[in-house]
Amino acid sequence: MKIHIHKQGIYMAGKAWEIQQKLKEYSQSYETVSEWIHDEKKNPRKHNVILFPLQNR
């Protein structure tokens, strides 16, 4: 399973049960996706989370 974090949100790739399990896991630590993204950018600790660099358009 892979989790990609963008400025606008997240993209999760994997089987449905894996995604549901991860969402339950993260929902115990964070109330919103925004909090999750902000925390991941400050302190990346999951090897399956990929942060995308911000692009100026």
Protein backbone atom coordinates (compact mmCIF):
# COMPACT_ATOMS: atom_id res chain seq x y z
CA MET A 1 0.00 0.00 0.00
CA LYS A 2 1.21 3.49 -0.80
CA ILE A 3 0.07 6.86 0.47
CA HIS A 4 0.85 9.99 -1.54
CA ILE A 5 0.42 13.36 0.15
CA HIS A 6 -0.22 16.46 -1.97
CA LYS A 7 -0.91 20.03 -0.98
CA GLN A 8 -4.58 19.55 -1.90
CA GLY A 9 -5.07 16.19 -0.19
CA ILE A 10 -4.03 12.54 -0.26
CA TYR A 11 -4.01 9.63 -2.69
CA MET A 12 -4.06 6.09 -1.32
CA ALA A 13 -3.23 3.09 -3.51
CA GLY A 14 -3.88 -0.40 -2.30
CA LYS A 15 -6.59 -2.93 -1.65
CA ALA A 16 -9.86 -1.68 -0.19
CA TRP A 17 -9.32 -3.41 3.16
CA GLU A 18 -5.80 -1.92 3.44
CA ILE A 19 -7.11 1.60 2.81
CA GLN A 20 -9.93 1.16 5.34
CA GLN A 21 -7.46 -0.12 7.94
CA LYS A 22 -5.09 2.83 7.39
CA LEU A 23 -7.92 5.36 7.58
CA LYS A 24 -9.05 3.85 10.89
CA GLU A 25 -5.45 3.92 12.16
CA TYR A 26 -4.91 7.56 11.22
CA SER A 27 -8.35 8.63 12.47
CA GLN A 28 -7.27 7.70 15.99
CA SER A 29 -4.40 10.20 15.81
CA TYR A 30 -5.86 13.01 13.67
CA GLU A 31 -9.29 14.62 13.43
CA THR A 32 -8.81 15.97 9.91
CA VAL A 33 -6.78 15.13 6.82
CA SER A 34 -5.29 18.63 7.02
CA GLU A 35 -3.80 17.85 10.45
CA TRP A 36 -2.40 14.58 9.09
CA ILE A 37 -0.75 16.28 6.10
CA HIS A 38 0.70 19.07 8.25
CA ASP A 39 2.15 16.59 10.74
CA GLU A 40 3.60 14.35 8.01
CA LYS A 41 5.38 17.31 6.41
CA LYS A 42 6.90 18.34 9.75
CA ASN A 43 7.87 14.85 10.91
CA PRO A 44 7.81 12.12 8.23
CA ARG A 45 7.88 8.74 9.96
CA LYS A 46 6.07 6.29 7.69
CA HIS A 47 8.13 4.65 4.96
CA ASN A 48 5.06 4.16 2.73
CA VAL A 49 4.08 7.86 2.74
CA ILE A 50 5.39 9.82 -0.24
CA LEU A 51 5.42 13.61 -0.01
CA PHE A 52 5.15 15.43 -3.33
CA PRO A 53 7.06 18.70 -3.67
CA LEU A 54 5.01 21.83 -4.19
CA GLN A 55 5.03 23.09 -7.74
CA ASN A 56 4.55 26.71 -8.70
CA ARG A 57 2.12 27.09 -11.58
